[in-house]
Structure formats: structure tokens, C-alpha cells
Amino acid sequence: MSASAKAARRAAKAATKTSAKKVTTGVGKSYVSGSFSKNLVVGQGGEYKGVKVGAEFKTPKGRGVLVKGIVGYSGPPNRRLDITPKLDKAQKKLSVHATPNSNRRAAAGTKLRR
């Protein structure tokens, strides 16, 4: 490999690192503070119980974007467990509780063999 090829490769590598740092810094400065906790919701939507998480980002010119992610759980009404997420915003704790389902009949789905 020639000296000029090595120099070009070194320059390209340095430029990539510099541009990656600029993008990372820009994203860090564009985050709207408090938007994560504002867009954090735990509850039930239709048949689904779940968690919705989001955050807002703004550009220097005032344009914005809201990014959200949703994770939910749904099952048949006679399932064995009732899974319920709970959120304590003050402590920033998310917990998921699984309890026996009150809608399930005692003998539903179980057969005794003799």
C-alpha cells in the first residue's frame, strides 16, 4: 500500500470520527428536557395493558419530532394470570404484577384423571 493511500485512509477515518461526534452532540442538545417523563404512560388501551414511552426532539430552527414506543400485553379473558404494569413516576420505577385472574372459573381448562 502506498503512502498516499495510507494518508487518504487515515484522513477518511478521522473525518468519520469527527462527523459522528458532531451528530451525537447535536442529538444530545436537541432533546426536550422532561419529555420522557411527560410521554411515559402505563395503562390499558382497549384489550391491551401496557407501557407507552416517548421523547421529543427539536431542531435549532424549531421543528420537532416525537418518538414513541409501545409494549403491550393481551390475552384471552379466561387466562390464568392477570398481568398489570404499574408506574411510580416519583421514584421512576416500573413494575409488572402477575396475579390470578378473577374472571377465570375455578375448573376452567383443568381435567382430573382417575
PDB file of N, CA and C in Angstrom:
ATOM      1  N   MET A   1       0.848  -1.169   0.000  1.00  0.00           N
ATOM      2  CA  MET A   1       0.000   0.000   0.000  1.00  0.00           C
ATOM      3  C   MET A   1       0.899   1.239   0.000  1.00  0.00           C
ATOM      4  N   SER A   2       0.564   2.182  -0.855  1.00  0.00           N
ATOM      5  CA  SER A   2       1.407   3.379  -0.979  1.00  0.00           C
ATOM      6  C   SER A   2       1.161   4.355   0.172  1.00  0.00           C
ATOM      7  N   ALA A   3       2.062   5.290   0.317  1.00  0.00           N
ATOM      8  CA  ALA A   3       1.966   6.291   1.394  1.00  0.00           C
ATOM      9  C   ALA A   3       0.740   7.177   1.206  1.00  0.00           C
ATOM     10  N   SER A   4       0.419   7.495  -0.042  1.00  0.00           N
ATOM     11  CA  SER A   4      -0.739   8.372  -0.287  1.00  0.00           C
ATOM     12  C   SER A   4      -2.048   7.645   0.046  1.00  0.00           C
ATOM     13  N   ALA A   5      -2.098   6.360  -0.204  1.00  0.00           N
ATOM     14  CA  ALA A   5      -3.302   5.579   0.121  1.00  0.00           C
ATOM     15  C   ALA A   5      -3.486   5.501   1.633  1.00  0.00           C
ATOM     16  N   LYS A   6      -2.370   5.329   2.358  1.00  0.00           N
ATOM     17  CA  LYS A   6      -2.444   5.291   3.819  1.00  0.00           C
ATOM     18  C   LYS A   6      -2.905   6.632   4.372  1.00  0.00           C
ATOM     19  N   ALA A   7      -2.399   7.709   3.804  1.00  0.00           N
ATOM     20  CA  ALA A   7      -2.777   9.051   4.260  1.00  0.00           C
ATOM     21  C   ALA A   7      -4.265   9.310   3.988  1.00  0.00           C
ATOM     22  N   ALA A   8      -4.729   8.888   2.824  1.00  0.00           N
ATOM     23  CA  ALA A   8      -6.147   9.082   2.472  1.00  0.00           C
ATOM     24  C   ALA A   8      -7.043   8.278   3.413  1.00  0.00           C
ATOM     25  N   ARG A   9      -6.601   7.075   3.718  1.00  0.00           N
ATOM     26  CA  ARG A   9      -7.369   6.211   4.622  1.00  0.00           C
ATOM     27  C   ARG A   9      -7.427   6.818   6.029  1.00  0.00           C
ATOM     28  N   ARG A  10      -6.289   7.345   6.501  1.00  0.00           N
ATOM     29  CA  ARG A  10      -6.214   7.973   7.815  1.00  0.00           C
ATOM     30  C   ARG A  10      -7.122   9.213   7.870  1.00  0.00           C
ATOM     31  N   ALA A  11      -7.127   9.996   6.796  1.00  0.00           N
ATOM     32  CA  ALA A  11      -7.956  11.205   6.739  1.00  0.00           C
ATOM     33  C   ALA A  11      -9.443  10.846   6.740  1.00  0.00           C
ATOM     34  N   ALA A  12      -9.810   9.801   6.016  1.00  0.00           N
ATOM     35  CA  ALA A  12     -11.214   9.361   5.975  1.00  0.00           C
ATOM     36  C   ALA A  12     -11.676   8.877   7.344  1.00  0.00           C
ATOM     37  N   LYS A  13     -10.803   8.151   8.033  1.00  0.00           N
ATOM     38  CA  LYS A  13     -11.113   7.640   9.371  1.00  0.00           C
ATOM     39  C   LYS A  13     -11.323   8.799  10.352  1.00  0.00           C
ATOM     40  N   ALA A  14     -10.465   9.798  10.292  1.00  0.00           N
ATOM     41  CA  ALA A  14     -10.567  10.971  11.177  1.00  0.00           C
ATOM     42  C   ALA A  14     -11.844  11.753  10.879  1.00  0.00           C
ATOM     43  N   ALA A  15     -12.183  11.906   9.604  1.00  0.00           N
ATOM     44  CA  ALA A  15     -13.395  12.633   9.218  1.00  0.00           C
ATOM     45  C   ALA A  15     -14.650  11.908   9.706  1.00  0.00           C
ATOM     46  N   THR A  16     -14.645  10.586   9.640  1.00  0.00           N
ATOM     47  CA  THR A  16     -15.779   9.799  10.107  1.00  0.00           C
ATOM     48  C   THR A  16     -15.980   9.985  11.604  1.00  0.00           C
ATOM     49  N   LYS A  17     -14.889   9.932  12.366  1.00  0.00           N
ATOM     50  CA  LYS A  17     -14.985  10.120  13.824  1.00  0.00           C
ATOM     51  C   LYS A  17     -15.502  11.509  14.161  1.00  0.00           C
ATOM     52  N   THR A  18     -15.001  12.525  13.470  1.00  0.00           N
ATOM     53  CA  THR A  18     -15.416  13.906  13.736  1.00  0.00           C
ATOM     54  C   THR A  18     -16.900  14.097  13.437  1.00  0.00           C
ATOM     55  N   SER A  19     -17.358  13.584  12.292  1.00  0.00           N
ATOM     56  CA  SER A  19     -18.773  13.754  11.936  1.00  0.00           C
ATOM     57  C   SER A  19     -19.678  12.970  12.881  1.00  0.00           C
ATOM     58  N   ALA A  20     -19.244  11.802  13.341  1.00  0.00           N
ATOM     59  CA  ALA A  20     -20.039  11.020  14.291  1.00  0.00           C
ATOM     60  C   ALA A  20     -20.175  11.770  15.617  1.00  0.00           C
ATOM     61  N   LYS A  21     -19.091  12.427  16.062  1.00  0.00           N
ATOM     62  CA  LYS A  21     -19.145  13.210  17.302  1.00  0.00           C
ATOM     63  C   LYS A  21     -20.097  14.389  17.156  1.00  0.00           C
ATOM     64  N   LYS A  22     -20.095  15.042  15.990  1.00  0.00           N
ATOM     65  CA  LYS A  22     -20.992  16.177  15.758  1.00  0.00           C
ATOM     66  C   LYS A  22     -22.449  15.744  15.790  1.00  0.00           C
ATOM     67  N   VAL A  23     -22.758  14.615  15.174  1.00  0.00           N
ATOM     68  CA  VAL A  23     -24.132  14.108  15.168  1.00  0.00           C
ATOM     69  C   VAL A  23     -24.571  13.765  16.583  1.00  0.00           C
ATOM     70  N   THR A  24     -23.729  13.092  17.333  1.00  0.00           N
ATOM     71  CA  THR A  24     -24.055  12.718  18.711  1.00  0.00           C
ATOM     72  C   THR A  24     -24.291  13.940  19.575  1.00  0.00           C
ATOM     73  N   THR A  25     -23.440  14.941  19.454  1.00  0.00           N
ATOM     74  CA  THR A  25     -23.589  16.188  20.210  1.00  0.00           C
ATOM     75  C   THR A  25     -24.881  16.890  19.826  1.00  0.00           C
ATOM     76  N   GLY A  26     -25.203  16.915  18.537  1.00  0.00           N
ATOM     77  CA  GLY A  26     -26.433  17.561  18.062  1.00  0.00           C
ATOM     78  C   GLY A  26     -27.673  16.903  18.619  1.00  0.00           C
ATOM     79  N   VAL A  27     -27.678  15.580  18.659  1.00  0.00           N
ATOM     80  CA  VAL A  27     -28.822  14.855  19.201  1.00  0.00           C
ATOM     81  C   VAL A  27     -28.966  15.137  20.687  1.00  0.00           C
ATOM     82  N   GLY A  28     -27.864  15.171  21.408  1.00  0.00           N
ATOM     83  CA  GLY A  28     -27.905  15.453  22.846  1.00  0.00           C
ATOM     84  C   GLY A  28     -28.472  16.827  23.145  1.00  0.00           C
ATOM     85  N   LYS A  29     -28.153  17.810  22.311  1.00  0.00           N
ATOM     86  CA  LYS A  29     -28.642  19.174  22.517  1.00  0.00           C
ATOM     87  C   LYS A  29     -30.083  19.347  22.059  1.00  0.00           C
ATOM     88  N   SER A  30     -30.590  18.458  21.212  1.00  0.00           N
ATOM     89  CA  SER A  30     -31.934  18.612  20.670  1.00  0.00           C
ATOM     90  C   SER A  30     -33.014  17.973  21.546  1.00  0.00           C
ATOM     91  N   TYR A  31     -32.640  17.190  22.541  1.00  0.00           N
ATOM     92  CA  TYR A  31     -33.617  16.534  23.417  1.00  0.00           C
ATOM     93  C   TYR A  31     -34.361  17.570  24.249  1.00  0.00           C
ATOM     94  N   VAL A  32     -35.682  17.494  24.282  1.00  0.00           N
ATOM     95  CA  VAL A  32     -36.508  18.404  25.079  1.00  0.00           C
ATOM     96  C   VAL A  32     -36.578  17.854  26.491  1.00  0.00           C
ATOM     97  N   SER A  33     -36.038  18.592  27.448  1.00  0.00           N
ATOM     98  CA  SER A  33     -35.969  18.069  28.815  1.00  0.00           C
ATOM     99  C   SER A  33     -37.367  17.872  29.390  1.00  0.00           C
ATOM    100  N   GLY A  34     -37.542  16.773  30.095  1.00  0.00           N
ATOM    101  CA  GLY A  34     -38.829  16.440  30.708  1.00  0.00           C
ATOM    102  C   GLY A  34     -39.786  15.733  29.782  1.00  0.00           C
ATOM    103  N   SER A  35     -39.449  15.611  28.502  1.00  0.00           N
ATOM    104  CA  SER A  35     -40.380  14.991  27.558  1.00  0.00           C
ATOM    105  C   SER A  35     -40.498  13.489  27.766  1.00  0.00           C
ATOM    106  N   PHE A  36     -39.438  12.866  28.291  1.00  0.00           N
ATOM    107  CA  PHE A  36     -39.505  11.416  28.517  1.00  0.00           C
ATOM    108  C   PHE A  36     -40.550  11.099  29.578  1.00  0.00           C
ATOM    109  N   SER A  37     -40.493  11.795  30.722  1.00  0.00           N
ATOM    110  CA  SER A  37     -41.459  11.517  31.781  1.00  0.00           C
ATOM    111  C   SER A  37     -42.849  12.008  31.399  1.00  0.00           C
ATOM    112  N   LYS A  38     -42.942  13.049  30.570  1.00  0.00           N
ATOM    113  CA  LYS A  38     -44.244  13.543  30.118  1.00  0.00           C
ATOM    114  C   LYS A  38     -44.920  12.525  29.199  1.00  0.00           C
ATOM    115  N   ASN A  39     -44.129  11.833  28.402  1.00  0.00           N
ATOM    116  CA  ASN A  39     -44.670  10.873  27.432  1.00  0.00           C
ATOM    117  C   ASN A  39     -44.562   9.426  27.904  1.00  0.00           C
ATOM    118  N   LEU A  40     -44.475   9.215  29.201  1.00  0.00           N
ATOM    119  CA  LEU A  40     -44.416   7.868  29.757  1.00  0.00           C
ATOM    120  C   LEU A  40     -45.775   7.553  30.359  1.00  0.00           C
ATOM    121  N   VAL A  41     -46.465   6.586  29.774  1.00  0.00           N
ATOM    122  CA  VAL A  41     -47.821   6.252  30.207  1.00  0.00           C
ATOM    123  C   VAL A  41     -47.927   4.756  30.408  1.00  0.00           C
ATOM    124  N   VAL A  42     -48.551   4.356  31.511  1.00  0.00           N
ATOM    125  CA  VAL A  42     -48.831   2.950  31.779  1.00  0.00           C
ATOM    126  C   VAL A  42     -50.327   2.833  31.966  1.00  0.00           C
ATOM    127  N   GLY A  43     -50.930   1.869  31.294  1.00  0.00           N
ATOM    128  CA  GLY A  43     -52.372   1.712  31.459  1.00  0.00           C
ATOM    129  C   GLY A  43     -52.943   0.701  30.506  1.00  0.00           C
ATOM    130  N   GLN A  44     -54.232   0.869  30.245  1.00  0.00           N
ATOM    131  CA  GLN A  44     -54.941  -0.069  29.401  1.00  0.00           C
ATOM    132  C   GLN A  44     -55.545   0.681  28.232  1.00  0.00           C
ATOM    133  N   GLY A  45     -55.342   0.159  27.047  1.00  0.00           N
ATOM    134  CA  GLY A  45     -55.924   0.719  25.835  1.00  0.00           C
ATOM    135  C   GLY A  45     -56.650  -0.382  25.097  1.00  0.00           C
ATOM    136  N   GLY A  46     -57.956  -0.398  25.181  1.00  0.00           N
ATOM    137  CA  GLY A  46     -58.731  -1.484  24.579  1.00  0.00           C
ATOM    138  C   GLY A  46     -58.471  -2.779  25.321  1.00  0.00           C
ATOM    139  N   GLU A  47     -58.049  -3.813  24.600  1.00  0.00           N
ATOM    140  CA  GLU A  47     -57.758  -5.108  25.222  1.00  0.00           C
ATOM    141  C   GLU A  47     -56.336  -5.180  25.771  1.00  0.00           C
ATOM    142  N   TYR A  48     -55.502  -4.213  25.413  1.00  0.00           N
ATOM    143  CA  TYR A  48     -54.088  -4.273  25.770  1.00  0.00           C
ATOM    144  C   TYR A  48     -53.792  -3.519  27.059  1.00  0.00           C
ATOM    145  N   LYS A  49     -52.967  -4.129  27.901  1.00  0.00           N
ATOM    146  CA  LYS A  49     -52.393  -3.455  29.061  1.00  0.00           C
ATOM    147  C   LYS A  49     -50.926  -3.284  28.726  1.00  0.00           C
ATOM    148  N   GLY A  50     -50.401  -2.086  28.911  1.00  0.00           N
ATOM    149  CA  GLY A  50     -49.014  -1.926  28.517  1.00  0.00           C
ATOM    150  C   GLY A  50     -48.390  -0.617  28.914  1.00  0.00           C
ATOM    151  N   VAL A  51     -47.247  -0.358  28.282  1.00  0.00           N
ATOM    152  CA  VAL A  51     -46.420   0.811  28.574  1.00  0.00           C
ATOM    153  C   VAL A  51     -46.153   1.552  27.261  1.00  0.00           C
ATOM    154  N   LYS A  52     -46.314   2.881  27.292  1.00  0.00           N
ATOM    155  CA  LYS A  52     -46.013   3.723  26.141  1.00  0.00           C
ATOM    156  C   LYS A  52     -44.929   4.701  26.565  1.00  0.00           C
ATOM    157  N   VAL A  53     -43.813   4.704  25.847  1.00  0.00           N
ATOM    158  CA  VAL A  53     -42.669   5.543  26.174  1.00  0.00           C
ATOM    159  C   VAL A  53     -42.384   6.451  24.982  1.00  0.00           C
ATOM    160  N   GLY A  54     -42.086   7.722  25.257  1.00  0.00           N
ATOM    161  CA  GLY A  54     -41.788   8.641  24.172  1.00  0.00           C
ATOM    162  C   GLY A  54     -40.836   9.729  24.608  1.00  0.00           C
ATOM    163  N   ALA A  55     -40.271  10.425  23.632  1.00  0.00           N
ATOM    164  CA  ALA A  55     -39.394  11.563  23.896  1.00  0.00           C
ATOM    165  C   ALA A  55     -39.499  12.529  22.720  1.00  0.00           C
ATOM    166  N   GLU A  56     -39.339  13.819  23.012  1.00  0.00           N
ATOM    167  CA  GLU A  56     -39.416  14.856  21.987  1.00  0.00           C
ATOM    168  C   GLU A  56     -38.021  15.401  21.690  1.00  0.00           C
ATOM    169  N   PHE A  57     -37.806  15.721  20.413  1.00  0.00           N
ATOM    170  CA  PHE A  57     -36.548  16.310  19.963  1.00  0.00           C
ATOM    171  C   PHE A  57     -36.873  17.529  19.107  1.00  0.00           C
ATOM    172  N   LYS A  58     -36.089  18.610  19.254  1.00  0.00           N
ATOM    173  CA  LYS A  58     -36.289  19.841  18.483  1.00  0.00           C
ATOM    174  C   LYS A  58     -35.011  20.196  17.737  1.00  0.00           C
ATOM    175  N   THR A  59     -35.177  20.731  16.529  1.00  0.00           N
ATOM    176  CA  THR A  59     -34.037  21.226  15.762  1.00  0.00           C
ATOM    177  C   THR A  59     -33.810  22.689  16.133  1.00  0.00           C
ATOM    178  N   PRO A  60     -32.638  23.242  15.811  1.00  0.00           N
ATOM    179  CA  PRO A  60     -32.386  24.658  16.112  1.00  0.00           C
ATOM    180  C   PRO A  60     -33.398  25.607  15.450  1.00  0.00           C
ATOM    181  N   LYS A  61     -33.991  25.191  14.336  1.00  0.00           N
ATOM    182  CA  LYS A  61     -34.963  26.045  13.632  1.00  0.00           C
ATOM    183  C   LYS A  61     -36.389  25.873  14.164  1.00  0.00           C
ATOM    184  N   GLY A  62     -36.565  25.048  15.202  1.00  0.00           N
ATOM    185  CA  GLY A  62     -37.876  24.932  15.836  1.00  0.00           C
ATOM    186  C   GLY A  62     -38.728  23.758  15.390  1.00  0.00           C
ATOM    187  N   ARG A  63     -38.272  23.001  14.426  1.00  0.00           N
ATOM    188  CA  ARG A  63     -39.033  21.817  14.025  1.00  0.00           C
ATOM    189  C   ARG A  63     -38.852  20.744  15.081  1.00  0.00           C
ATOM    190  N   GLY A  64     -39.828  19.861  15.206  1.00  0.00           N
ATOM    191  CA  GLY A  64     -39.731  18.847  16.241  1.00  0.00           C
ATOM    192  C   GLY A  64     -40.199  17.490  15.771  1.00  0.00           C
ATOM    193  N   VAL A  65     -39.837  16.497  16.544  1.00  0.00           N
ATOM    194  CA  VAL A  65     -40.272  15.133  16.271  1.00  0.00           C
ATOM    195  C   VAL A  65     -40.516  14.450  17.612  1.00  0.00           C
ATOM    196  N   LEU A  66     -41.543  13.627  17.659  1.00  0.00           N
ATOM    197  CA  LEU A  66     -41.876  12.851  18.851  1.00  0.00           C
ATOM    198  C   LEU A  66     -41.676  11.379  18.507  1.00  0.00           C
ATOM    199  N   VAL A  67     -40.849  10.703  19.287  1.00  0.00           N
ATOM    200  CA  VAL A  67     -40.561   9.291  19.055  1.00  0.00           C
ATOM    201  C   VAL A  67     -41.228   8.496  20.164  1.00  0.00           C
ATOM    202  N   LYS A  68     -42.045   7.484  19.794  1.00  0.00           N
ATOM    203  CA  LYS A  68     -42.748   6.689  20.805  1.00  0.00           C
ATOM    204  C   LYS A  68     -42.556   5.206  20.542  1.00  0.00           C
ATOM    205  N   GLY A  69     -42.565   4.466  21.630  1.00  0.00           N
ATOM    206  CA  GLY A  69     -42.510   3.015  21.565  1.00  0.00           C
ATOM    207  C   GLY A  69     -43.574   2.452  22.494  1.00  0.00           C
ATOM    208  N   ILE A  70     -44.283   1.421  22.052  1.00  0.00           N
ATOM    209  CA  ILE A  70     -45.368   0.847  22.844  1.00  0.00           C
ATOM    210  C   ILE A  70     -45.129  -0.645  23.015  1.00  0.00           C
ATOM    211  N   VAL A  71     -45.277  -1.109  24.263  1.00  0.00           N
ATOM    212  CA  VAL A  71     -45.208  -2.535  24.555  1.00  0.00           C
ATOM    213  C   VAL A  71     -46.493  -2.885  25.281  1.00  0.00           C
ATOM    214  N   GLY A  72     -47.219  -3.871  24.787  1.00  0.00           N
ATOM    215  CA  GLY A  72     -48.494  -4.220  25.395  1.00  0.00           C
ATOM    216  C   GLY A  72     -48.677  -5.712  25.532  1.00  0.00           C
ATOM    217  N   TYR A  73     -49.632  -6.086  26.358  1.00  0.00           N
ATOM    218  CA  TYR A  73     -49.950  -7.485  26.599  1.00  0.00           C
ATOM    219  C   TYR A  73     -51.449  -7.668  26.460  1.00  0.00           C
ATOM    220  N   SER A  74     -51.840  -8.697  25.752  1.00  0.00           N
ATOM    221  CA  SER A  74     -53.251  -9.033  25.616  1.00  0.00           C
ATOM    222  C   SER A  74     -53.377 -10.545  25.604  1.00  0.00           C
ATOM    223  N   GLY A  75     -54.439 -11.044  26.144  1.00  0.00           N
ATOM    224  CA  GLY A  75     -54.656 -12.485  26.158  1.00  0.00           C
ATOM    225  C   GLY A  75     -56.135 -12.781  26.231  1.00  0.00           C
ATOM    226  N   PRO A  76     -56.523 -14.044  26.174  1.00  0.00           N
ATOM    227  CA  PRO A  76     -57.936 -14.382  26.271  1.00  0.00           C
ATOM    228  C   PRO A  76     -58.480 -14.004  27.650  1.00  0.00           C
ATOM    229  N   PRO A  77     -59.783 -13.724  27.758  1.00  0.00           N
ATOM    230  CA  PRO A  77     -60.341 -13.287  29.040  1.00  0.00           C
ATOM    231  C   PRO A  77     -60.248 -14.344  30.147  1.00  0.00           C
ATOM    232  N   ASN A  78     -60.122 -15.614  29.793  1.00  0.00           N
ATOM    233  CA  ASN A  78     -60.052 -16.657  30.820  1.00  0.00           C
ATOM    234  C   ASN A  78     -58.625 -17.153  31.059  1.00  0.00           C
ATOM    235  N   ARG A  79     -57.642 -16.329  30.788  1.00  0.00           N
ATOM    236  CA  ARG A  79     -56.251 -16.733  31.030  1.00  0.00           C
ATOM    237  C   ARG A  79     -56.009 -16.903  32.527  1.00  0.00           C
ATOM    238  N   ARG A  80     -54.999 -17.676  32.877  1.00  0.00           N
ATOM    239  CA  ARG A  80     -54.720 -17.979  34.283  1.00  0.00           C
ATOM    240  C   ARG A  80     -54.257 -16.761  35.068  1.00  0.00           C
ATOM    241  N   LEU A  81     -53.416 -15.936  34.450  1.00  0.00           N
ATOM    242  CA  LEU A  81     -52.841 -14.796  35.165  1.00  0.00           C
ATOM    243  C   LEU A  81     -53.339 -13.477  34.592  1.00  0.00           C
ATOM    244  N   ASP A  82     -53.512 -12.507  35.459  1.00  0.00           N
ATOM    245  CA  ASP A  82     -53.821 -11.142  35.054  1.00  0.00           C
ATOM    246  C   ASP A  82     -52.539 -10.339  35.234  1.00  0.00           C
ATOM    247  N   ILE A  83     -51.940  -9.891  34.141  1.00  0.00           N
ATOM    248  CA  ILE A  83     -50.667  -9.175  34.188  1.00  0.00           C
ATOM    249  C   ILE A  83     -50.946  -7.682  34.078  1.00  0.00           C
ATOM    250  N   THR A  84     -50.491  -6.918  35.086  1.00  0.00           N
ATOM    251  CA  THR A  84     -50.760  -5.485  35.143  1.00  0.00           C
ATOM    252  C   THR A  84     -49.470  -4.711  35.408  1.00  0.00           C
ATOM    253  N   PRO A  85     -49.106  -3.794  34.497  1.00  0.00           N
ATOM    254  CA  PRO A  85     -47.943  -2.937  34.758  1.00  0.00           C
ATOM    255  C   PRO A  85     -48.352  -1.752  35.634  1.00  0.00           C
ATOM    256  N   LYS A  86     -47.441  -1.322  36.510  1.00  0.00           N
ATOM    257  CA  LYS A  86     -47.679  -0.155  37.361  1.00  0.00           C
ATOM    258  C   LYS A  86     -46.461   0.751  37.281  1.00  0.00           C
ATOM    259  N   LEU A  87     -46.705   2.057  37.380  1.00  0.00           N
ATOM    260  CA  LEU A  87     -45.639   3.038  37.268  1.00  0.00           C
ATOM    261  C   LEU A  87     -45.674   3.983  38.453  1.00  0.00           C
ATOM    262  N   ASP A  88     -44.515   4.167  39.068  1.00  0.00           N
ATOM    263  CA  ASP A  88     -44.348   5.170  40.116  1.00  0.00           C
ATOM    264  C   ASP A  88     -43.418   6.232  39.536  1.00  0.00           C
ATOM    265  N   LYS A  89     -44.008   7.348  39.029  1.00  0.00           N
ATOM    266  CA  LYS A  89     -43.206   8.378  38.350  1.00  0.00           C
ATOM    267  C   LYS A  89     -42.249   9.072  39.305  1.00  0.00           C
ATOM    268  N   ALA A  90     -42.655   9.237  40.570  1.00  0.00           N
ATOM    269  CA  ALA A  90     -41.795   9.928  41.528  1.00  0.00           C
ATOM    270  C   ALA A  90     -40.487   9.169  41.742  1.00  0.00           C
ATOM    271  N   GLN A  91     -40.581   7.839  41.865  1.00  0.00           N
ATOM    272  CA  GLN A  91     -39.383   7.017  42.074  1.00  0.00           C
ATOM    273  C   GLN A  91     -38.788   6.519  40.758  1.00  0.00           C
ATOM    274  N   LYS A  92     -39.466   6.802  39.640  1.00  0.00           N
ATOM    275  CA  LYS A  92     -39.049   6.330  38.315  1.00  0.00           C
ATOM    276  C   LYS A  92     -38.909   4.815  38.298  1.00  0.00           C
ATOM    277  N   LYS A  93     -39.964   4.135  38.783  1.00  0.00           N
ATOM    278  CA  LYS A  93     -39.961   2.666  38.850  1.00  0.00           C
ATOM    279  C   LYS A  93     -41.137   2.109  38.068  1.00  0.00           C
ATOM    280  N   LEU A  94     -40.853   1.146  37.235  1.00  0.00           N
ATOM    281  CA  LEU A  94     -41.883   0.417  36.510  1.00  0.00           C
ATOM    282  C   LEU A  94     -41.894  -1.004  37.028  1.00  0.00           C
ATOM    283  N   SER A  95     -43.064  -1.494  37.425  1.00  0.00           N
ATOM    284  CA  SER A  95     -43.161  -2.871  37.912  1.00  0.00           C
ATOM    285  C   SER A  95     -44.315  -3.570  37.211  1.00  0.00           C
ATOM    286  N   VAL A  96     -44.192  -4.859  37.073  1.00  0.00           N
ATOM    287  CA  VAL A  96     -45.225  -5.672  36.439  1.00  0.00           C
ATOM    288  C   VAL A  96     -45.675  -6.714  37.448  1.00  0.00           C
ATOM    289  N   HIS A  97     -46.984  -6.766  37.685  1.00  0.00           N
ATOM    290  CA  HIS A  97     -47.541  -7.702  38.658  1.00  0.00           C
ATOM    291  C   HIS A  97     -48.376  -8.747  37.939  1.00  0.00           C
ATOM    292  N   ALA A  98     -48.193  -9.996  38.315  1.00  0.00           N
ATOM    293  CA  ALA A  98     -48.985 -11.097  37.778  1.00  0.00           C
ATOM    294  C   ALA A  98     -49.787 -11.692  38.938  1.00  0.00           C
ATOM    295  N   THR A  99     -51.101 -11.622  38.833  1.00  0.00           N
ATOM    296  CA  THR A  99     -51.986 -12.147  39.871  1.00  0.00           C
ATOM    297  C   THR A  99     -52.958 -13.128  39.240  1.00  0.00           C
ATOM    298  N   PRO A 100     -53.523 -14.045  40.041  1.00  0.00           N
ATOM    299  CA  PRO A 100     -54.535 -14.954  39.481  1.00  0.00           C
ATOM    300  C   PRO A 100     -55.708 -14.151  38.930  1.00  0.00           C
ATOM    301  N   ASN A 101     -56.216 -14.563  37.796  1.00  0.00           N
ATOM    302  CA  ASN A 101     -57.285 -13.840  37.118  1.00  0.00           C
ATOM    303  C   ASN A 101     -58.615 -14.089  37.806  1.00  0.00           C
ATOM    304  N   SER A 102     -59.315 -13.030  38.182  1.00  0.00           N
ATOM    305  CA  SER A 102     -60.618 -13.165  38.850  1.00  0.00           C
ATOM    306  C   SER A 102     -61.717 -13.550  37.865  1.00  0.00           C
ATOM    307  N   ASN A 103     -61.504 -13.351  36.561  1.00  0.00           N
ATOM    308  CA  ASN A 103     -62.509 -13.703  35.542  1.00  0.00           C
ATOM    309  C   ASN A 103     -62.477 -15.187  35.182  1.00  0.00           C
ATOM    310  N   ARG A 104     -61.526 -15.905  35.697  1.00  0.00           N
ATOM    311  CA  ARG A 104     -61.362 -17.319  35.353  1.00  0.00           C
ATOM    312  C   ARG A 104     -62.161 -18.179  36.318  1.00  0.00           C
ATOM    313  N   ARG A 105     -62.936 -19.100  35.766  1.00  0.00           N
ATOM    314  CA  ARG A 105     -63.672 -20.047  36.613  1.00  0.00           C
ATOM    315  C   ARG A 105     -62.690 -21.045  37.204  1.00  0.00           C
ATOM    316  N   ALA A 106     -62.983 -21.548  38.369  1.00  0.00           N
ATOM    317  CA  ALA A 106     -62.051 -22.413  39.101  1.00  0.00           C
ATOM    318  C   ALA A 106     -61.647 -23.649  38.313  1.00  0.00           C
ATOM    319  N   ALA A 107     -62.588 -24.284  37.637  1.00  0.00           N
ATOM    320  CA  ALA A 107     -62.289 -25.534  36.963  1.00  0.00           C
ATOM    321  C   ALA A 107     -62.046 -25.350  35.459  1.00  0.00           C
ATOM    322  N   ALA A 108     -61.980 -24.149  34.971  1.00  0.00           N
ATOM    323  CA  ALA A 108     -61.813 -23.921  33.547  1.00  0.00           C
ATOM    324  C   ALA A 108     -60.466 -24.431  33.054  1.00  0.00           C
ATOM    325  N   GLY A 109     -60.510 -25.286  32.059  1.00  0.00           N
ATOM    326  CA  GLY A 109     -59.294 -25.760  31.436  1.00  0.00           C
ATOM    327  C   GLY A 109     -58.553 -26.861  32.188  1.00  0.00           C
ATOM    328  N   THR A 110     -59.068 -27.350  33.287  1.00  0.00           N
ATOM    329  CA  THR A 110     -58.378 -28.426  34.012  1.00  0.00           C
ATOM    330  C   THR A 110     -59.287 -29.635  34.076  1.00  0.00           C
ATOM    331  N   LYS A 111     -58.698 -30.774  33.831  1.00  0.00           N
ATOM    332  CA  LYS A 111     -59.446 -32.041  33.910  1.00  0.00           C
ATOM    333  C   LYS A 111     -58.748 -32.966  34.866  1.00  0.00           C
ATOM    334  N   LEU A 112     -59.523 -33.657  35.653  1.00  0.00           N
ATOM    335  CA  LEU A 112     -58.959 -34.618  36.580  1.00  0.00           C
ATOM    336  C   LEU A 112     -58.958 -35.998  35.956  1.00  0.00           C
ATOM    337  N   ARG A 113     -57.884 -36.715  36.118  1.00  0.00           N
ATOM    338  CA  ARG A 113     -57.803 -38.094  35.621  1.00  0.00           C
ATOM    339  C   ARG A 113     -57.860 -39.027  36.802  1.00  0.00           C
ATOM    340  N   ARG A 114     -58.631 -40.068  36.673  1.00  0.00           N
ATOM    341  CA  ARG A 114     -58.729 -41.065  37.740  1.00  0.00           C
ATOM    342  C   ARG A 114     -58.206 -42.389  37.289  1.00  0.00           C
TER     343      ARG A 114
END
